[in-house]
N, C-alpha and C. Protein backbone atom coordinates (compact mmCIF):
# COMPACT_ATOMS: atom_id res chain seq x y z
N UNK A 1 -26.07 13.88 -11.04
CA UNK A 1 -24.77 13.27 -10.84
C UNK A 1 -24.15 13.74 -9.54
N UNK A 2 -23.37 12.84 -8.94
CA UNK A 2 -22.66 13.21 -7.72
C UNK A 2 -21.39 13.98 -8.09
N UNK A 3 -20.78 14.58 -7.11
CA UNK A 3 -19.54 15.32 -7.34
C UNK A 3 -18.46 14.39 -7.91
N UNK A 4 -18.36 13.17 -7.36
CA UNK A 4 -17.38 12.21 -7.85
C UNK A 4 -17.65 11.88 -9.31
N UNK A 5 -18.90 11.60 -9.65
CA UNK A 5 -19.24 11.27 -11.04
C UNK A 5 -18.91 12.42 -11.98
N UNK A 6 -19.15 13.65 -11.53
CA UNK A 6 -18.82 14.83 -12.34
C UNK A 6 -17.31 14.90 -12.59
N UNK A 7 -16.53 14.66 -11.54
CA UNK A 7 -15.07 14.73 -11.68
C UNK A 7 -14.56 13.63 -12.60
N UNK A 8 -15.13 12.43 -12.47
CA UNK A 8 -14.71 11.33 -13.34
C UNK A 8 -15.07 11.61 -14.79
N UNK A 9 -16.25 12.15 -15.03
CA UNK A 9 -16.68 12.46 -16.40
C UNK A 9 -15.79 13.55 -17.01
N UNK A 10 -15.38 14.51 -16.21
CA UNK A 10 -14.54 15.60 -16.71
C UNK A 10 -13.17 15.10 -17.18
N UNK A 11 -12.70 14.01 -16.61
CA UNK A 11 -11.39 13.48 -17.01
C UNK A 11 -11.35 13.08 -18.48
N UNK A 12 -12.48 12.64 -19.02
CA UNK A 12 -12.52 12.13 -20.40
C UNK A 12 -12.08 13.15 -21.44
N UNK A 13 -12.34 14.42 -21.19
CA UNK A 13 -12.02 15.45 -22.18
C UNK A 13 -10.92 16.40 -21.72
N UNK A 14 -10.32 16.10 -20.60
CA UNK A 14 -9.32 16.98 -20.01
C UNK A 14 -8.01 16.92 -20.81
N UNK A 15 -7.44 18.07 -21.15
CA UNK A 15 -6.14 18.08 -21.85
C UNK A 15 -5.01 17.63 -20.92
N UNK A 16 -3.91 17.21 -21.53
CA UNK A 16 -2.79 16.67 -20.78
C UNK A 16 -2.29 17.61 -19.68
N UNK A 17 -2.20 18.90 -19.97
CA UNK A 17 -1.71 19.85 -18.96
C UNK A 17 -2.61 19.87 -17.73
N UNK A 18 -3.89 19.79 -17.95
CA UNK A 18 -4.85 19.77 -16.83
C UNK A 18 -4.79 18.42 -16.09
N UNK A 19 -4.57 17.33 -16.84
CA UNK A 19 -4.43 16.02 -16.21
C UNK A 19 -3.24 16.00 -15.25
N UNK A 20 -2.14 16.63 -15.65
CA UNK A 20 -0.97 16.70 -14.78
C UNK A 20 -1.30 17.43 -13.48
N UNK A 21 -2.08 18.52 -13.59
CA UNK A 21 -2.49 19.25 -12.39
C UNK A 21 -3.40 18.39 -11.51
N UNK A 22 -4.31 17.66 -12.13
CA UNK A 22 -5.22 16.79 -11.39
C UNK A 22 -4.44 15.67 -10.70
N UNK A 23 -3.42 15.13 -11.39
CA UNK A 23 -2.60 14.09 -10.80
C UNK A 23 -1.93 14.62 -9.53
N UNK A 24 -1.35 15.81 -9.63
CA UNK A 24 -0.68 16.40 -8.47
C UNK A 24 -1.65 16.64 -7.32
N UNK A 25 -2.86 17.02 -7.64
CA UNK A 25 -3.88 17.24 -6.62
C UNK A 25 -4.27 15.90 -5.97
N UNK A 26 -4.41 14.87 -6.79
CA UNK A 26 -4.86 13.56 -6.29
C UNK A 26 -3.78 12.84 -5.48
N UNK A 27 -2.53 12.91 -5.95
CA UNK A 27 -1.45 12.13 -5.34
C UNK A 27 -0.45 12.96 -4.53
N UNK A 28 -0.58 14.27 -4.56
CA UNK A 28 0.35 15.17 -3.85
C UNK A 28 1.80 14.96 -4.27
N UNK A 29 1.99 14.69 -5.55
CA UNK A 29 3.33 14.56 -6.12
C UNK A 29 3.24 14.83 -7.61
N UNK A 30 4.36 15.20 -8.23
CA UNK A 30 4.33 15.48 -9.67
C UNK A 30 3.88 14.27 -10.49
N UNK A 31 3.21 14.56 -11.58
CA UNK A 31 2.72 13.49 -12.45
C UNK A 31 3.90 12.76 -13.10
N UNK A 32 3.82 11.43 -13.16
CA UNK A 32 4.87 10.67 -13.85
C UNK A 32 4.71 10.83 -15.36
N UNK A 33 5.68 10.38 -16.09
CA UNK A 33 5.64 10.48 -17.55
C UNK A 33 4.79 9.32 -18.10
N UNK A 34 3.47 9.51 -18.07
CA UNK A 34 2.53 8.50 -18.56
C UNK A 34 1.70 9.09 -19.70
N UNK A 35 1.10 8.21 -20.47
CA UNK A 35 0.18 8.68 -21.51
C UNK A 35 -1.03 9.32 -20.83
N UNK A 36 -1.74 10.13 -21.59
CA UNK A 36 -2.94 10.77 -21.05
C UNK A 36 -3.95 9.74 -20.58
N UNK A 37 -4.10 8.65 -21.33
CA UNK A 37 -5.06 7.61 -20.95
C UNK A 37 -4.70 6.97 -19.62
N UNK A 38 -3.40 6.68 -19.41
CA UNK A 38 -2.99 6.09 -18.14
C UNK A 38 -3.14 7.08 -16.98
N UNK A 39 -2.88 8.36 -17.24
CA UNK A 39 -3.09 9.35 -16.20
C UNK A 39 -4.57 9.42 -15.82
N UNK A 40 -5.45 9.38 -16.82
CA UNK A 40 -6.89 9.39 -16.55
C UNK A 40 -7.28 8.22 -15.65
N UNK A 41 -6.77 7.03 -15.99
CA UNK A 41 -7.08 5.85 -15.19
C UNK A 41 -6.55 5.98 -13.75
N UNK A 42 -5.31 6.45 -13.62
CA UNK A 42 -4.72 6.62 -12.30
C UNK A 42 -5.46 7.64 -11.46
N UNK A 43 -5.85 8.74 -12.06
CA UNK A 43 -6.58 9.78 -11.33
C UNK A 43 -7.97 9.26 -10.94
N UNK A 44 -8.63 8.59 -11.88
CA UNK A 44 -9.96 8.04 -11.59
C UNK A 44 -9.89 7.04 -10.44
N UNK A 45 -8.88 6.18 -10.46
CA UNK A 45 -8.72 5.21 -9.37
C UNK A 45 -8.55 5.93 -8.04
N UNK A 46 -7.67 6.94 -8.03
CA UNK A 46 -7.38 7.65 -6.79
C UNK A 46 -8.62 8.38 -6.25
N UNK A 47 -9.39 9.00 -7.14
CA UNK A 47 -10.60 9.69 -6.71
C UNK A 47 -11.60 8.71 -6.10
N UNK A 48 -11.75 7.55 -6.73
CA UNK A 48 -12.67 6.53 -6.21
C UNK A 48 -12.14 5.94 -4.90
N UNK A 49 -10.83 5.76 -4.82
CA UNK A 49 -10.21 5.24 -3.60
C UNK A 49 -10.48 6.18 -2.43
N UNK A 50 -10.34 7.47 -2.66
CA UNK A 50 -10.58 8.45 -1.60
C UNK A 50 -12.05 8.48 -1.20
N UNK A 51 -12.94 8.31 -2.17
CA UNK A 51 -14.38 8.38 -1.90
C UNK A 51 -14.91 7.10 -1.25
N UNK A 52 -14.40 5.96 -1.67
CA UNK A 52 -14.97 4.68 -1.24
C UNK A 52 -14.03 3.79 -0.45
N UNK A 53 -12.78 4.19 -0.32
CA UNK A 53 -11.79 3.36 0.37
C UNK A 53 -10.97 2.58 -0.63
N UNK A 54 -9.79 2.20 -0.20
CA UNK A 54 -8.87 1.46 -1.08
C UNK A 54 -9.08 -0.04 -0.96
N UNK A 55 -8.12 -0.77 -1.49
CA UNK A 55 -8.16 -2.22 -1.44
C UNK A 55 -7.91 -2.69 -0.01
N UNK A 56 -8.51 -3.82 0.34
CA UNK A 56 -8.26 -4.41 1.65
C UNK A 56 -6.83 -4.94 1.69
N UNK A 57 -6.31 -5.16 2.88
CA UNK A 57 -4.96 -5.71 3.00
C UNK A 57 -4.88 -7.08 2.35
N UNK A 58 -5.95 -7.86 2.47
CA UNK A 58 -5.97 -9.20 1.85
C UNK A 58 -5.88 -9.08 0.33
N UNK A 59 -6.57 -8.11 -0.26
CA UNK A 59 -6.52 -7.92 -1.72
C UNK A 59 -5.13 -7.48 -2.16
N UNK A 60 -4.53 -6.59 -1.39
CA UNK A 60 -3.17 -6.14 -1.72
C UNK A 60 -2.23 -7.33 -1.69
N UNK A 61 -2.38 -8.20 -0.70
CA UNK A 61 -1.51 -9.37 -0.61
C UNK A 61 -1.73 -10.31 -1.79
N UNK A 62 -3.00 -10.53 -2.17
CA UNK A 62 -3.28 -11.40 -3.31
C UNK A 62 -2.65 -10.84 -4.58
N UNK A 63 -2.71 -9.54 -4.75
CA UNK A 63 -2.07 -8.93 -5.92
C UNK A 63 -0.56 -9.11 -5.87
N UNK A 64 0.02 -9.01 -4.67
CA UNK A 64 1.46 -9.20 -4.58
C UNK A 64 1.84 -10.63 -4.90
N UNK A 65 1.01 -11.59 -4.50
CA UNK A 65 1.29 -12.99 -4.83
C UNK A 65 1.24 -13.20 -6.34
N UNK A 66 0.33 -12.52 -7.01
CA UNK A 66 0.22 -12.63 -8.46
C UNK A 66 1.47 -12.07 -9.15
N UNK A 67 2.20 -11.17 -8.47
CA UNK A 67 3.43 -10.61 -9.01
C UNK A 67 4.65 -11.42 -8.59
N UNK A 68 4.44 -12.63 -8.13
CA UNK A 68 5.57 -13.48 -7.78
C UNK A 68 5.77 -13.64 -6.29
N UNK A 69 4.80 -13.25 -5.50
CA UNK A 69 4.87 -13.48 -4.07
C UNK A 69 5.59 -12.43 -3.27
N UNK A 70 6.18 -11.45 -3.92
CA UNK A 70 6.89 -10.41 -3.18
C UNK A 70 5.90 -9.38 -2.66
N UNK A 71 5.99 -9.08 -1.41
CA UNK A 71 5.16 -8.06 -0.80
C UNK A 71 5.76 -6.70 -1.16
N UNK A 72 4.97 -5.85 -1.77
CA UNK A 72 5.45 -4.54 -2.18
C UNK A 72 4.71 -3.49 -1.38
N UNK A 73 5.45 -2.69 -0.63
CA UNK A 73 4.85 -1.61 0.14
C UNK A 73 5.65 -0.34 -0.09
N UNK A 74 4.98 0.77 0.07
CA UNK A 74 5.65 2.05 -0.09
C UNK A 74 6.52 2.34 1.13
N UNK A 75 7.67 2.95 0.92
CA UNK A 75 8.47 3.39 2.06
C UNK A 75 7.63 4.31 2.94
N UNK A 76 7.75 4.14 4.23
CA UNK A 76 6.97 4.94 5.16
C UNK A 76 5.74 4.22 5.68
N UNK A 77 5.36 3.11 5.03
CA UNK A 77 4.22 2.34 5.50
C UNK A 77 4.55 1.79 6.89
N UNK A 78 3.60 1.89 7.80
CA UNK A 78 3.83 1.41 9.15
C UNK A 78 2.92 0.21 9.42
N UNK A 79 3.53 -0.85 9.94
CA UNK A 79 2.81 -2.06 10.34
C UNK A 79 2.79 -2.07 11.87
N UNK A 80 1.61 -2.28 12.44
CA UNK A 80 1.48 -2.29 13.89
C UNK A 80 0.73 -3.55 14.30
N UNK A 81 1.24 -4.22 15.33
CA UNK A 81 0.64 -5.45 15.81
C UNK A 81 0.83 -5.52 17.32
N UNK A 82 -0.18 -5.99 18.01
CA UNK A 82 -0.05 -6.22 19.44
C UNK A 82 0.31 -7.69 19.64
N UNK A 83 1.33 -7.93 20.45
CA UNK A 83 1.78 -9.30 20.70
C UNK A 83 2.09 -9.45 22.18
N UNK A 84 1.32 -10.29 22.86
CA UNK A 84 1.52 -10.55 24.30
C UNK A 84 1.65 -9.26 25.11
N UNK A 85 0.74 -8.31 24.87
CA UNK A 85 0.72 -7.06 25.61
C UNK A 85 1.73 -6.03 25.13
N UNK A 86 2.48 -6.35 24.10
CA UNK A 86 3.51 -5.45 23.56
C UNK A 86 3.05 -4.93 22.21
N UNK A 87 3.23 -3.65 21.96
CA UNK A 87 2.92 -3.08 20.65
C UNK A 87 4.15 -3.16 19.78
N UNK A 88 4.01 -3.83 18.65
CA UNK A 88 5.10 -4.00 17.70
C UNK A 88 4.83 -3.04 16.54
N UNK A 89 5.72 -2.10 16.31
CA UNK A 89 5.57 -1.11 15.26
C UNK A 89 6.77 -1.17 14.33
N UNK A 90 6.50 -1.35 13.04
CA UNK A 90 7.55 -1.51 12.04
C UNK A 90 7.32 -0.51 10.92
N UNK A 91 8.39 0.10 10.44
CA UNK A 91 8.29 1.03 9.32
C UNK A 91 9.00 0.45 8.10
N UNK A 92 8.29 0.45 6.97
CA UNK A 92 8.90 0.00 5.72
C UNK A 92 9.80 1.11 5.17
N UNK A 93 10.95 0.71 4.66
CA UNK A 93 11.86 1.64 4.02
C UNK A 93 12.24 1.06 2.66
N UNK A 94 12.93 1.82 1.85
CA UNK A 94 13.25 1.35 0.50
C UNK A 94 14.13 0.11 0.51
N UNK A 95 14.91 -0.08 1.57
CA UNK A 95 15.85 -1.20 1.60
C UNK A 95 15.56 -2.20 2.72
N UNK A 96 14.32 -2.26 3.19
CA UNK A 96 13.95 -3.21 4.23
C UNK A 96 12.96 -2.60 5.21
N UNK A 97 13.09 -3.01 6.47
CA UNK A 97 12.16 -2.59 7.50
C UNK A 97 12.93 -2.18 8.74
N UNK A 98 12.37 -1.23 9.51
CA UNK A 98 13.01 -0.80 10.75
C UNK A 98 12.08 -1.12 11.90
N UNK A 99 12.64 -1.83 12.88
CA UNK A 99 11.94 -2.19 14.11
C UNK A 99 12.89 -1.92 15.27
N UNK A 100 12.43 -1.12 16.23
CA UNK A 100 13.23 -0.75 17.39
C UNK A 100 14.63 -0.29 17.00
N UNK A 101 14.68 0.62 16.04
CA UNK A 101 15.92 1.25 15.58
C UNK A 101 16.92 0.28 14.94
N UNK A 102 16.47 -0.90 14.55
CA UNK A 102 17.33 -1.86 13.84
C UNK A 102 16.70 -2.18 12.49
N UNK A 103 17.54 -2.40 11.51
CA UNK A 103 17.09 -2.68 10.15
C UNK A 103 17.00 -4.20 9.94
N UNK A 104 15.92 -4.61 9.28
CA UNK A 104 15.69 -6.02 8.95
C UNK A 104 15.37 -6.11 7.46
N UNK A 105 15.70 -7.23 6.86
CA UNK A 105 15.42 -7.44 5.43
C UNK A 105 13.99 -7.88 5.16
N UNK A 106 13.32 -8.44 6.18
CA UNK A 106 11.96 -8.96 5.94
C UNK A 106 11.09 -8.81 7.17
N UNK A 107 9.79 -8.84 6.95
CA UNK A 107 8.84 -8.84 8.05
C UNK A 107 8.94 -10.15 8.83
N UNK A 108 9.28 -11.22 8.14
CA UNK A 108 9.40 -12.52 8.82
C UNK A 108 10.53 -12.51 9.84
N UNK A 109 11.64 -11.84 9.52
CA UNK A 109 12.74 -11.75 10.48
C UNK A 109 12.29 -11.00 11.74
N UNK A 110 11.47 -9.99 11.56
CA UNK A 110 10.97 -9.23 12.71
C UNK A 110 9.99 -10.09 13.51
N UNK A 111 9.11 -10.80 12.83
CA UNK A 111 8.16 -11.67 13.52
C UNK A 111 8.90 -12.73 14.34
N UNK A 112 9.97 -13.26 13.77
CA UNK A 112 10.79 -14.26 14.47
C UNK A 112 11.45 -13.63 15.71
N UNK A 113 11.95 -12.42 15.56
CA UNK A 113 12.58 -11.70 16.67
C UNK A 113 11.58 -11.46 17.81
N UNK A 114 10.37 -11.08 17.46
CA UNK A 114 9.36 -10.75 18.46
C UNK A 114 8.84 -11.99 19.17
N UNK A 115 8.58 -13.05 18.42
CA UNK A 115 7.92 -14.23 18.98
C UNK A 115 8.89 -15.32 19.44
N UNK A 116 10.09 -15.32 18.89
CA UNK A 116 11.03 -16.38 19.21
C UNK A 116 10.77 -17.67 18.44
N UNK A 117 9.82 -17.63 17.52
CA UNK A 117 9.50 -18.80 16.70
C UNK A 117 9.37 -18.37 15.24
N UNK A 118 9.32 -19.34 14.34
CA UNK A 118 9.18 -19.03 12.92
C UNK A 118 7.75 -18.67 12.57
N UNK A 119 7.57 -17.45 12.15
CA UNK A 119 6.27 -16.96 11.68
C UNK A 119 6.47 -16.38 10.28
N UNK A 120 5.43 -16.44 9.50
CA UNK A 120 5.39 -15.69 8.25
C UNK A 120 5.16 -14.23 8.65
N UNK A 121 6.05 -13.34 8.23
CA UNK A 121 5.88 -11.93 8.55
C UNK A 121 4.57 -11.35 8.06
N UNK A 122 4.20 -11.61 6.78
CA UNK A 122 2.91 -11.10 6.31
C UNK A 122 1.73 -11.63 7.14
N UNK A 123 1.78 -12.87 7.56
CA UNK A 123 0.71 -13.40 8.41
C UNK A 123 0.74 -12.75 9.79
N UNK A 124 1.91 -12.62 10.35
CA UNK A 124 2.04 -12.02 11.68
C UNK A 124 1.45 -10.61 11.70
N UNK A 125 1.67 -9.84 10.64
CA UNK A 125 1.17 -8.47 10.59
C UNK A 125 -0.21 -8.36 9.94
N UNK A 126 -0.89 -9.49 9.77
CA UNK A 126 -2.28 -9.47 9.31
C UNK A 126 -2.47 -9.28 7.83
N UNK A 127 -1.45 -9.52 7.03
CA UNK A 127 -1.58 -9.37 5.59
C UNK A 127 -2.05 -10.65 4.93
N UNK A 128 -2.05 -11.74 5.68
CA UNK A 128 -2.48 -13.05 5.21
C UNK A 128 -3.23 -13.74 6.32
N UNK A 129 -4.48 -13.98 6.15
CA UNK A 129 -5.22 -14.70 7.16
C UNK A 129 -5.34 -13.92 8.46
N UNK A 130 -5.82 -14.54 9.48
CA UNK A 130 -6.07 -13.89 10.76
C UNK A 130 -4.98 -14.22 11.77
N UNK A 131 -3.75 -13.77 11.49
CA UNK A 131 -2.65 -14.00 12.41
C UNK A 131 -2.25 -15.46 12.50
N UNK A 132 -2.53 -16.21 11.44
CA UNK A 132 -2.21 -17.63 11.43
C UNK A 132 -0.72 -17.84 11.49
N UNK A 133 -0.29 -18.91 12.08
CA UNK A 133 1.14 -19.21 12.16
C UNK A 133 1.73 -19.45 10.79
N UNK A 134 2.92 -19.02 10.60
CA UNK A 134 3.61 -19.19 9.32
C UNK A 134 4.12 -20.59 9.13
N UNK A 135 4.75 -20.78 7.98
CA UNK A 135 5.27 -22.09 7.60
C UNK A 135 6.45 -22.46 8.45
């Protein structure tokens, strides 16, 4: 067995107190109030994500569409795009996005600001298709 397989197998019999420690090690934050089974699944996912890579941006976007089309990102996520020789860097925050020290409610508003035309923000930042023009 590989080291990853050993760690995954160990989760099956791990007591709740040890699962909480493993969660903190995997996510670098305190364990949420979840059942032991859900903690096992979350830890297993995180271990596999670290070993093999996470979901592609396209997959994340498809999942967000399944949740009603809202793009969900963690605060602190940075979106970077080159546009006409300019580097566009945007940081997600809990209440919107920050671009050039100004707050925006959506990525689309930032894409519009940068390009001067209507773009889908998720498309502009490569979350949908290959930089295709928005609606």
